[in-house]
Structure formats: structure tokens, C-alpha cells
PDB file of N, CA and C in Angstrom:
ATOM      1  N   MET A   1      -8.766  -8.121 -18.816  1.00  0.00           N
ATOM      2  CA  MET A   1      -7.565  -7.378 -19.406  1.00  0.00           C
ATOM      3  C   MET A   1      -7.905  -6.622 -17.854  1.00  0.00           C
ATOM      4  N   THR A   2      -6.876  -6.590 -16.975  1.00  0.00           N
ATOM      5  CA  THR A   2      -6.185  -5.862 -15.687  1.00  0.00           C
ATOM      6  C   THR A   2      -6.794  -4.493 -15.725  1.00  0.00           C
ATOM      7  N   GLN A   3      -7.437  -3.666 -14.967  1.00  0.00           N
ATOM      8  CA  GLN A   3      -7.477  -2.120 -14.523  1.00  0.00           C
ATOM      9  C   GLN A   3      -6.941  -1.572 -13.584  1.00  0.00           C
ATOM     10  N   VAL A   4      -5.681  -0.751 -13.882  1.00  0.00           N
ATOM     11  CA  VAL A   4      -5.095  -0.078 -12.253  1.00  0.00           C
ATOM     12  C   VAL A   4      -6.249   0.843 -12.175  1.00  0.00           C
ATOM     13  N   LYS A   5      -6.299   1.019 -10.530  1.00  0.00           N
ATOM     14  CA  LYS A   5      -6.850   2.193 -10.035  1.00  0.00           C
ATOM     15  C   LYS A   5      -5.909   3.263  -9.848  1.00  0.00           C
ATOM     16  N   LYS A   6      -5.636   4.266 -10.230  1.00  0.00           N
ATOM     17  CA  LYS A   6      -4.654   5.466  -9.820  1.00  0.00           C
ATOM     18  C   LYS A   6      -5.128   6.066  -8.795  1.00  0.00           C
ATOM     19  N   ASN A   7      -3.692   6.724  -8.085  1.00  0.00           N
ATOM     20  CA  ASN A   7      -4.014   7.670  -6.618  1.00  0.00           C
ATOM     21  C   ASN A   7      -5.029   8.162  -7.073  1.00  0.00           C
ATOM     22  N   GLY A   8      -5.136   9.316  -8.215  1.00  0.00           N
ATOM     23  CA  GLY A   8      -6.310  10.112  -8.043  1.00  0.00           C
ATOM     24  C   GLY A   8      -7.910   9.777  -8.458  1.00  0.00           C
ATOM     25  N   GLY A   9      -7.939   8.083  -8.423  1.00  0.00           N
ATOM     26  CA  GLY A   9      -9.115   7.619  -8.392  1.00  0.00           C
ATOM     27  C   GLY A   9      -9.422   6.934  -9.764  1.00  0.00           C
ATOM     28  N   THR A  10      -8.612   7.461 -11.042  1.00  0.00           N
ATOM     29  CA  THR A  10      -9.035   7.350 -12.169  1.00  0.00           C
ATOM     30  C   THR A  10      -8.509   5.904 -12.343  1.00  0.00           C
ATOM     31  N   VAL A  11      -9.043   5.422 -13.173  1.00  0.00           N
ATOM     32  CA  VAL A  11      -8.764   3.891 -13.542  1.00  0.00           C
ATOM     33  C   VAL A  11      -8.214   3.920 -15.160  1.00  0.00           C
ATOM     34  N   GLU A  12      -6.949   2.991 -15.682  1.00  0.00           N
ATOM     35  CA  GLU A  12      -6.669   2.919 -16.639  1.00  0.00           C
ATOM     36  C   GLU A  12      -6.275   1.323 -17.166  1.00  0.00           C
ATOM     37  N   SER A  13      -6.243   0.752 -18.465  1.00  0.00           N
ATOM     38  CA  SER A  13      -5.639  -0.733 -18.066  1.00  0.00           C
ATOM     39  C   SER A  13      -4.238  -0.686 -17.899  1.00  0.00           C
ATOM     40  N   PHE A  14      -3.877  -2.120 -17.580  1.00  0.00           N
ATOM     41  CA  PHE A  14      -2.607  -2.367 -16.733  1.00  0.00           C
ATOM     42  C   PHE A  14      -2.054  -2.047 -18.766  1.00  0.00           C
ATOM     43  N   ASP A  15      -1.001  -1.411 -18.303  1.00  0.00           N
ATOM     44  CA  ASP A  15       0.206  -1.229 -19.618  1.00  0.00           C
ATOM     45  C   ASP A  15       1.540  -1.681 -19.065  1.00  0.00           C
ATOM     46  N   LEU A  16       1.699  -2.952 -19.434  1.00  0.00           N
ATOM     47  CA  LEU A  16       3.451  -3.746 -19.224  1.00  0.00           C
ATOM     48  C   LEU A  16       4.225  -2.711 -19.796  1.00  0.00           C
ATOM     49  N   ALA A  17       4.076  -2.328 -21.039  1.00  0.00           N
ATOM     50  CA  ALA A  17       5.329  -1.453 -21.537  1.00  0.00           C
ATOM     51  C   ALA A  17       5.312  -0.158 -20.858  1.00  0.00           C
ATOM     52  N   LYS A  18       4.079   0.516 -20.313  1.00  0.00           N
ATOM     53  CA  LYS A  18       4.517   1.709 -19.623  1.00  0.00           C
ATOM     54  C   LYS A  18       5.238   1.239 -18.169  1.00  0.00           C
ATOM     55  N   LEU A  19       5.250   0.213 -17.634  1.00  0.00           N
ATOM     56  CA  LEU A  19       5.573  -0.528 -16.361  1.00  0.00           C
ATOM     57  C   LEU A  19       7.078  -0.515 -16.440  1.00  0.00           C
ATOM     58  N   LYS A  20       7.566  -1.426 -18.230  1.00  0.00           N
ATOM     59  CA  LYS A  20       8.860  -1.533 -18.266  1.00  0.00           C
ATOM     60  C   LYS A  20       9.772   0.057 -18.582  1.00  0.00           C
ATOM     61  N   ILE A  21       9.128   1.010 -19.086  1.00  0.00           N
ATOM     62  CA  ILE A  21       9.876   2.054 -18.987  1.00  0.00           C
ATOM     63  C   ILE A  21       9.996   2.508 -17.637  1.00  0.00           C
ATOM     64  N   SER A  22       9.010   2.971 -16.650  1.00  0.00           N
ATOM     65  CA  SER A  22       9.173   3.056 -15.584  1.00  0.00           C
ATOM     66  C   SER A  22      10.861   2.382 -14.706  1.00  0.00           C
ATOM     67  N   ILE A  23      10.731   1.088 -15.248  1.00  0.00           N
ATOM     68  CA  ILE A  23      11.436   0.559 -13.986  1.00  0.00           C
ATOM     69  C   ILE A  23      13.167   0.561 -14.863  1.00  0.00           C
ATOM     70  N   LYS A  24      12.848   1.008 -16.455  1.00  0.00           N
ATOM     71  CA  LYS A  24      14.115   1.389 -17.320  1.00  0.00           C
ATOM     72  C   LYS A  24      14.603   2.467 -16.540  1.00  0.00           C
ATOM     73  N   SER A  25      13.426   3.448 -15.863  1.00  0.00           N
ATOM     74  CA  SER A  25      14.199   4.711 -15.811  1.00  0.00           C
ATOM     75  C   SER A  25      15.010   4.926 -14.472  1.00  0.00           C
ATOM     76  N   ALA A  26      14.131   4.086 -13.702  1.00  0.00           N
ATOM     77  CA  ALA A  26      14.793   3.857 -12.175  1.00  0.00           C
ATOM     78  C   ALA A  26      16.381   3.194 -12.281  1.00  0.00           C
ATOM     79  N   CYS A  27      16.234   2.075 -13.318  1.00  0.00           N
ATOM     80  CA  CYS A  27      17.691   1.402 -13.196  1.00  0.00           C
ATOM     81  C   CYS A  27      18.481   2.637 -14.230  1.00  0.00           C
ATOM     82  N   ASP A  28      18.531   3.515 -14.798  1.00  0.00           N
ATOM     83  CA  ASP A  28      19.198   4.251 -15.262  1.00  0.00           C
ATOM     84  C   ASP A  28      19.748   5.271 -14.430  1.00  0.00           C
ATOM     85  N   ASP A  29      18.630   5.791 -13.886  1.00  0.00           N
ATOM     86  CA  ASP A  29      19.278   6.670 -12.617  1.00  0.00           C
ATOM     87  C   ASP A  29      19.886   5.957 -11.500  1.00  0.00           C
ATOM     88  N   ALA A  30      19.555   4.556 -11.390  1.00  0.00           N
ATOM     89  CA  ALA A  30      20.814   4.007 -10.327  1.00  0.00           C
ATOM     90  C   ALA A  30      21.897   3.577 -11.077  1.00  0.00           C
ATOM     91  N   GLY A  31      22.571   3.370 -12.613  1.00  0.00           N
ATOM     92  CA  GLY A  31      23.743   3.525 -12.845  1.00  0.00           C
ATOM     93  C   GLY A  31      23.595   1.957 -13.285  1.00  0.00           C
ATOM     94  N   LEU A  32      22.735   1.450 -13.595  1.00  0.00           N
ATOM     95  CA  LEU A  32      23.326  -0.022 -14.246  1.00  0.00           C
ATOM     96  C   LEU A  32      23.651   0.050 -15.219  1.00  0.00           C
ATOM     97  N   THR A  33      24.239  -0.666 -15.837  1.00  0.00           N
ATOM     98  CA  THR A  33      24.764  -1.212 -16.884  1.00  0.00           C
ATOM     99  C   THR A  33      23.420  -1.464 -17.609  1.00  0.00           C
ATOM    100  N   LEU A  34      23.255  -1.430 -19.388  1.00  0.00           N
ATOM    101  CA  LEU A  34      22.332  -2.005 -20.140  1.00  0.00           C
ATOM    102  C   LEU A  34      21.951  -3.313 -19.402  1.00  0.00           C
ATOM    103  N   SER A  35      22.944  -4.309 -19.760  1.00  0.00           N
ATOM    104  CA  SER A  35      22.519  -5.581 -19.404  1.00  0.00           C
ATOM    105  C   SER A  35      21.878  -6.137 -17.992  1.00  0.00           C
ATOM    106  N   GLU A  36      22.188  -5.301 -17.290  1.00  0.00           N
ATOM    107  CA  GLU A  36      21.681  -5.095 -15.820  1.00  0.00           C
ATOM    108  C   GLU A  36      20.592  -4.680 -15.855  1.00  0.00           C
ATOM    109  N   THR A  37      20.161  -3.691 -16.473  1.00  0.00           N
ATOM    110  CA  THR A  37      18.822  -2.912 -16.481  1.00  0.00           C
ATOM    111  C   THR A  37      18.158  -3.937 -17.183  1.00  0.00           C
ATOM    112  N   GLU A  38      18.318  -4.616 -18.481  1.00  0.00           N
ATOM    113  CA  GLU A  38      17.742  -5.174 -19.391  1.00  0.00           C
ATOM    114  C   GLU A  38      17.456  -6.826 -18.377  1.00  0.00           C
ATOM    115  N   LYS A  39      18.126  -7.093 -17.955  1.00  0.00           N
ATOM    116  CA  LYS A  39      17.674  -8.288 -17.043  1.00  0.00           C
ATOM    117  C   LYS A  39      16.707  -7.791 -15.663  1.00  0.00           C
ATOM    118  N   LEU A  40      16.900  -6.736 -14.779  1.00  0.00           N
ATOM    119  CA  LEU A  40      16.231  -6.363 -14.080  1.00  0.00           C
ATOM    120  C   LEU A  40      14.458  -6.083 -14.576  1.00  0.00           C
ATOM    121  N   VAL A  41      14.741  -5.626 -15.864  1.00  0.00           N
ATOM    122  CA  VAL A  41      13.438  -4.905 -16.289  1.00  0.00           C
ATOM    123  C   VAL A  41      12.850  -6.418 -16.903  1.00  0.00           C
ATOM    124  N   LYS A  42      13.068  -7.581 -17.025  1.00  0.00           N
ATOM    125  CA  LYS A  42      12.884  -8.537 -17.500  1.00  0.00           C
ATOM    126  C   LYS A  42      11.622  -8.994 -16.645  1.00  0.00           C
ATOM    127  N   GLU A  43      12.803  -9.277 -15.361  1.00  0.00           N
ATOM    128  CA  GLU A  43      12.624 -10.292 -14.172  1.00  0.00           C
ATOM    129  C   GLU A  43      11.542  -9.329 -13.493  1.00  0.00           C
ATOM    130  N   VAL A  44      11.657  -8.001 -13.382  1.00  0.00           N
ATOM    131  CA  VAL A  44      10.599  -7.269 -12.220  1.00  0.00           C
ATOM    132  C   VAL A  44       9.281  -7.207 -13.173  1.00  0.00           C
ATOM    133  N   SER A  45       9.162  -6.969 -14.429  1.00  0.00           N
ATOM    134  CA  SER A  45       7.997  -6.813 -15.252  1.00  0.00           C
ATOM    135  C   SER A  45       6.859  -8.065 -15.146  1.00  0.00           C
ATOM    136  N   ALA A  46       7.826  -9.408 -15.271  1.00  0.00           N
ATOM    137  CA  ALA A  46       7.066 -10.600 -15.363  1.00  0.00           C
ATOM    138  C   ALA A  46       6.552 -10.712 -14.205  1.00  0.00           C
ATOM    139  N   LEU A  47       7.406 -10.710 -12.857  1.00  0.00           N
ATOM    140  CA  LEU A  47       6.513 -10.801 -11.872  1.00  0.00           C
ATOM    141  C   LEU A  47       5.540 -10.249 -11.548  1.00  0.00           C
ATOM    142  N   VAL A  48       5.680  -8.904 -11.867  1.00  0.00           N
ATOM    143  CA  VAL A  48       4.569  -8.009 -11.791  1.00  0.00           C
ATOM    144  C   VAL A  48       3.567  -8.531 -12.702  1.00  0.00           C
ATOM    145  N   GLU A  49       3.653  -8.780 -14.048  1.00  0.00           N
ATOM    146  CA  GLU A  49       2.520  -9.423 -14.949  1.00  0.00           C
ATOM    147  C   GLU A  49       1.857 -10.600 -14.072  1.00  0.00           C
ATOM    148  N   ASP A  50       2.231 -11.515 -13.291  1.00  0.00           N
ATOM    149  CA  ASP A  50       1.793 -12.682 -12.842  1.00  0.00           C
ATOM    150  C   ASP A  50       1.120 -11.935 -11.478  1.00  0.00           C
ATOM    151  N   PHE A  51       1.580 -10.714 -11.139  1.00  0.00           N
ATOM    152  CA  PHE A  51       0.784 -10.495  -9.674  1.00  0.00           C
ATOM    153  C   PHE A  51      -0.557 -10.133 -10.186  1.00  0.00           C
ATOM    154  N   VAL A  52      -0.725  -9.307 -11.265  1.00  0.00           N
ATOM    155  CA  VAL A  52      -2.128  -8.625 -11.507  1.00  0.00           C
ATOM    156  C   VAL A  52      -2.721  -9.714 -12.577  1.00  0.00           C
ATOM    157  N   LYS A  53      -2.204 -11.060 -12.782  1.00  0.00           N
ATOM    158  CA  LYS A  53      -3.157 -11.851 -13.592  1.00  0.00           C
ATOM    159  C   LYS A  53      -4.076 -12.109 -12.921  1.00  0.00           C
ATOM    160  N   GLY A  54      -5.280 -12.117 -13.754  1.00  0.00           N
ATOM    161  CA  GLY A  54      -6.328 -12.724 -13.261  1.00  0.00           C
ATOM    162  C   GLY A  54      -7.219 -11.830 -11.893  1.00  0.00           C
ATOM    163  N   LYS A  55      -6.565 -10.708 -12.111  1.00  0.00           N
ATOM    164  CA  LYS A  55      -7.524  -9.977 -11.091  1.00  0.00           C
ATOM    165  C   LYS A  55      -7.881  -8.450 -11.900  1.00  0.00           C
ATOM    166  N   GLU A  56      -9.386  -7.859 -11.732  1.00  0.00           N
ATOM    167  CA  GLU A  56     -10.363  -7.334 -12.729  1.00  0.00           C
ATOM    168  C   GLU A  56      -9.730  -6.077 -12.473  1.00  0.00           C
ATOM    169  N   ILE A  57      -8.813  -5.868 -11.015  1.00  0.00           N
ATOM    170  CA  ILE A  57      -8.576  -4.355 -10.902  1.00  0.00           C
ATOM    171  C   ILE A  57      -7.502  -4.643  -9.766  1.00  0.00           C
ATOM    172  N   VAL A  58      -6.820  -3.455  -9.890  1.00  0.00           N
ATOM    173  CA  VAL A  58      -5.741  -3.029  -9.049  1.00  0.00           C
ATOM    174  C   VAL A  58      -5.248  -2.215  -8.565  1.00  0.00           C
ATOM    175  N   ASN A  59      -4.766  -1.515  -7.463  1.00  0.00           N
ATOM    176  CA  ASN A  59      -4.244  -0.084  -7.160  1.00  0.00           C
ATOM    177  C   ASN A  59      -3.129  -0.300  -7.707  1.00  0.00           C
ATOM    178  N   SER A  60      -2.994   1.042  -7.955  1.00  0.00           N
ATOM    179  CA  SER A  60      -1.323   1.282  -8.444  1.00  0.00           C
ATOM    180  C   SER A  60      -0.369   1.579  -7.321  1.00  0.00           C
ATOM    181  N   LYS A  61      -0.820   1.561  -5.814  1.00  0.00           N
ATOM    182  CA  LYS A  61       0.006   1.500  -4.844  1.00  0.00           C
ATOM    183  C   LYS A  61       0.585   0.431  -4.422  1.00  0.00           C
ATOM    184  N   ASP A  62      -0.302  -0.655  -4.588  1.00  0.00           N
ATOM    185  CA  ASP A  62      -0.207  -2.420  -4.795  1.00  0.00           C
ATOM    186  C   ASP A  62       1.005  -2.572  -6.016  1.00  0.00           C
ATOM    187  N   ILE A  63       1.170  -2.012  -6.775  1.00  0.00           N
ATOM    188  CA  ILE A  63       2.273  -2.510  -8.105  1.00  0.00           C
ATOM    189  C   ILE A  63       3.089  -1.772  -7.573  1.00  0.00           C
ATOM    190  N   ARG A  64       3.235  -0.934  -6.901  1.00  0.00           N
ATOM    191  CA  ARG A  64       4.503   0.218  -6.575  1.00  0.00           C
ATOM    192  C   ARG A  64       5.150  -0.490  -5.624  1.00  0.00           C
ATOM    193  N   ASN A  65       3.986  -0.906  -4.166  1.00  0.00           N
ATOM    194  CA  ASN A  65       4.756  -1.602  -3.202  1.00  0.00           C
ATOM    195  C   ASN A  65       5.622  -2.896  -3.866  1.00  0.00           C
ATOM    196  N   PHE A  66       4.804  -3.928  -4.938  1.00  0.00           N
ATOM    197  CA  PHE A  66       5.512  -4.938  -4.949  1.00  0.00           C
ATOM    198  C   PHE A  66       6.587  -4.891  -5.786  1.00  0.00           C
ATOM    199  N   ILE A  67       6.987  -3.565  -6.826  1.00  0.00           N
ATOM    200  CA  ILE A  67       8.087  -3.413  -7.631  1.00  0.00           C
ATOM    201  C   ILE A  67       9.231  -2.910  -6.520  1.00  0.00           C
ATOM    202  N   LEU A  68       8.515  -2.492  -5.129  1.00  0.00           N
ATOM    203  CA  LEU A  68       9.940  -1.914  -4.473  1.00  0.00           C
ATOM    204  C   LEU A  68      10.628  -2.859  -3.368  1.00  0.00           C
ATOM    205  N   LYS A  69       9.545  -3.800  -3.115  1.00  0.00           N
ATOM    206  CA  LYS A  69      10.127  -4.955  -2.369  1.00  0.00           C
ATOM    207  C   LYS A  69      10.535  -6.120  -3.215  1.00  0.00           C
ATOM    208  N   ARG A  70      10.201  -6.026  -4.177  1.00  0.00           N
ATOM    209  CA  ARG A  70      11.308  -6.895  -5.124  1.00  0.00           C
ATOM    210  C   ARG A  70      12.593  -6.021  -5.578  1.00  0.00           C
ATOM    211  N   THR A  71      12.750  -4.997  -5.427  1.00  0.00           N
ATOM    212  CA  THR A  71      13.851  -4.182  -6.013  1.00  0.00           C
ATOM    213  C   THR A  71      14.406  -3.863  -4.977  1.00  0.00           C
ATOM    214  N   ASP A  72      14.008  -3.790  -3.814  1.00  0.00           N
ATOM    215  CA  ASP A  72      14.828  -3.813  -1.772  1.00  0.00           C
ATOM    216  C   ASP A  72      15.823  -5.172  -2.209  1.00  0.00           C
ATOM    217  N   ILE A  73      15.553  -6.866  -2.692  1.00  0.00           N
ATOM    218  CA  ILE A  73      15.812  -7.354  -2.406  1.00  0.00           C
ATOM    219  C   ILE A  73      17.259  -7.374  -3.211  1.00  0.00           C
ATOM    220  N   VAL A  74      16.858  -7.188  -4.779  1.00  0.00           N
ATOM    221  CA  VAL A  74      17.643  -7.713  -5.458  1.00  0.00           C
ATOM    222  C   VAL A  74      18.414  -6.583  -6.354  1.00  0.00           C
ATOM    223  N   CYS A  75      18.116  -5.382  -5.941  1.00  0.00           N
ATOM    224  CA  CYS A  75      18.899  -4.095  -6.374  1.00  0.00           C
ATOM    225  C   CYS A  75      18.825  -3.288  -5.871  1.00  0.00           C
ATOM    226  N   LYS A  76      18.640  -2.644  -4.586  1.00  0.00           N
ATOM    227  CA  LYS A  76      18.402  -1.812  -3.801  1.00  0.00           C
ATOM    228  C   LYS A  76      18.865  -0.166  -4.294  1.00  0.00           C
ATOM    229  N   PRO A  77      19.498   0.082  -5.104  1.00  0.00           N
ATOM    230  CA  PRO A  77      19.834   1.199  -5.609  1.00  0.00           C
ATOM    231  C   PRO A  77      18.807   1.505  -6.765  1.00  0.00           C
ATOM    232  N   VAL A  78      17.903   0.384  -7.700  1.00  0.00           N
ATOM    233  CA  VAL A  78      17.195   0.979  -8.225  1.00  0.00           C
ATOM    234  C   VAL A  78      15.675   1.249  -7.274  1.00  0.00           C
ATOM    235  N   SER A  79      15.302   0.687  -6.183  1.00  0.00           N
ATOM    236  CA  SER A  79      14.658   1.151  -5.306  1.00  0.00           C
ATOM    237  C   SER A  79      14.467   2.523  -4.643  1.00  0.00           C
ATOM    238  N   GLY A  80      15.819   2.769  -4.507  1.00  0.00           N
ATOM    239  CA  GLY A  80      16.320   4.176  -4.219  1.00  0.00           C
ATOM    240  C   GLY A  80      15.996   4.798  -5.312  1.00  0.00           C
ATOM    241  N   ALA A  81      16.670   4.846  -6.688  1.00  0.00           N
ATOM    242  CA  ALA A  81      16.095   5.973  -7.116  1.00  0.00           C
ATOM    243  C   ALA A  81      14.724   5.950  -7.318  1.00  0.00           C
ATOM    244  N   TRP A  82      13.609   4.878  -7.678  1.00  0.00           N
ATOM    245  CA  TRP A  82      12.483   5.028  -8.245  1.00  0.00           C
ATOM    246  C   TRP A  82      11.540   5.803  -6.711  1.00  0.00           C
ATOM    247  N   ARG A  83      12.208   5.756  -5.307  1.00  0.00           N
ATOM    248  CA  ARG A  83      11.955   6.439  -4.407  1.00  0.00           C
ATOM    249  C   ARG A  83      12.346   8.110  -4.538  1.00  0.00           C
ATOM    250  N   LYS A  84      13.644   8.146  -4.909  1.00  0.00           N
ATOM    251  CA  LYS A  84      13.780   9.700  -5.323  1.00  0.00           C
ATOM    252  C   LYS A  84      13.404  10.163  -6.257  1.00  0.00           C
ATOM    253  N   PHE A  85      12.637   9.588  -7.170  1.00  0.00           N
ATOM    254  CA  PHE A  85      12.001  10.062  -8.174  1.00  0.00           C
ATOM    255  C   PHE A  85      10.552  10.382  -7.908  1.00  0.00           C
ATOM    256  N   GLU A  86       9.935   9.493  -7.056  1.00  0.00           N
ATOM    257  CA  GLU A  86       8.636   9.976  -6.369  1.00  0.00           C
ATOM    258  C   GLU A  86       8.581  10.950  -5.695  1.00  0.00           C
ATOM    259  N   LYS A  87       9.652  11.872  -4.866  1.00  0.00           N
ATOM    260  CA  LYS A  87       9.846  12.450  -4.041  1.00  0.00           C
ATOM    261  C   LYS A  87      10.018  13.989  -4.703  1.00  0.00           C
ATOM    262  N   ARG A  88      10.538  13.853  -6.126  1.00  0.00           N
ATOM    263  CA  ARG A  88      10.482  14.935  -6.995  1.00  0.00           C
ATOM    264  C   ARG A  88       9.280  15.402  -7.308  1.00  0.00           C
ATOM    265  N   LYS A  89       8.202  14.718  -7.653  1.00  0.00           N
ATOM    266  CA  LYS A  89       7.013  14.678  -8.354  1.00  0.00           C
ATOM    267  C   LYS A  89       6.026  15.105  -7.354  1.00  0.00           C
TER     268      LYS A  89
END
């Protein structure tokens, strides 16, 4: 199982469900329809799953950057919503 190294240095198991929730939240904030959201969540989460597959450990920043690069291409409002959320944290 792939481990994710968080920004603070902690390590946890890669959690696809948690990732899907984050992508869905960004889609909701960007105002996508339910069908658009479902399609994007499915597409991006599958790509991320492939990205981490076979890796023992991956940095959360690498996953974040991967997601943002993909959403910048297919749905810029979602990547914008993701970045806006990060600024609020």
C-alpha cells in the first residue's frame, strides 16, 4: 500500500475515498453539475491512483500538483476552487 507523506512530515496510507471527497468539494465550489462532478472525480481519481501505483511513498504535494495540472487542462474552475480553498486554510 502506498504511503503519503504530508507537509508536516506525518505519513499515512493513501486513501482514494478521501481524495475523491477533496476533488468533489472543489467541483462543488466551482459550480459543476452533478454529472460533470461525477465524471471529473472518476477521471482524476483514476489518474491519481495510477500515478501512485507501485510507489512506496509519495509526497502529498506531488499528488496535489498532479491534480492541479490535470484540472487546469480539463476544468480550470475546479483547479481555481482548489487553490482558493488552500488559501483559506
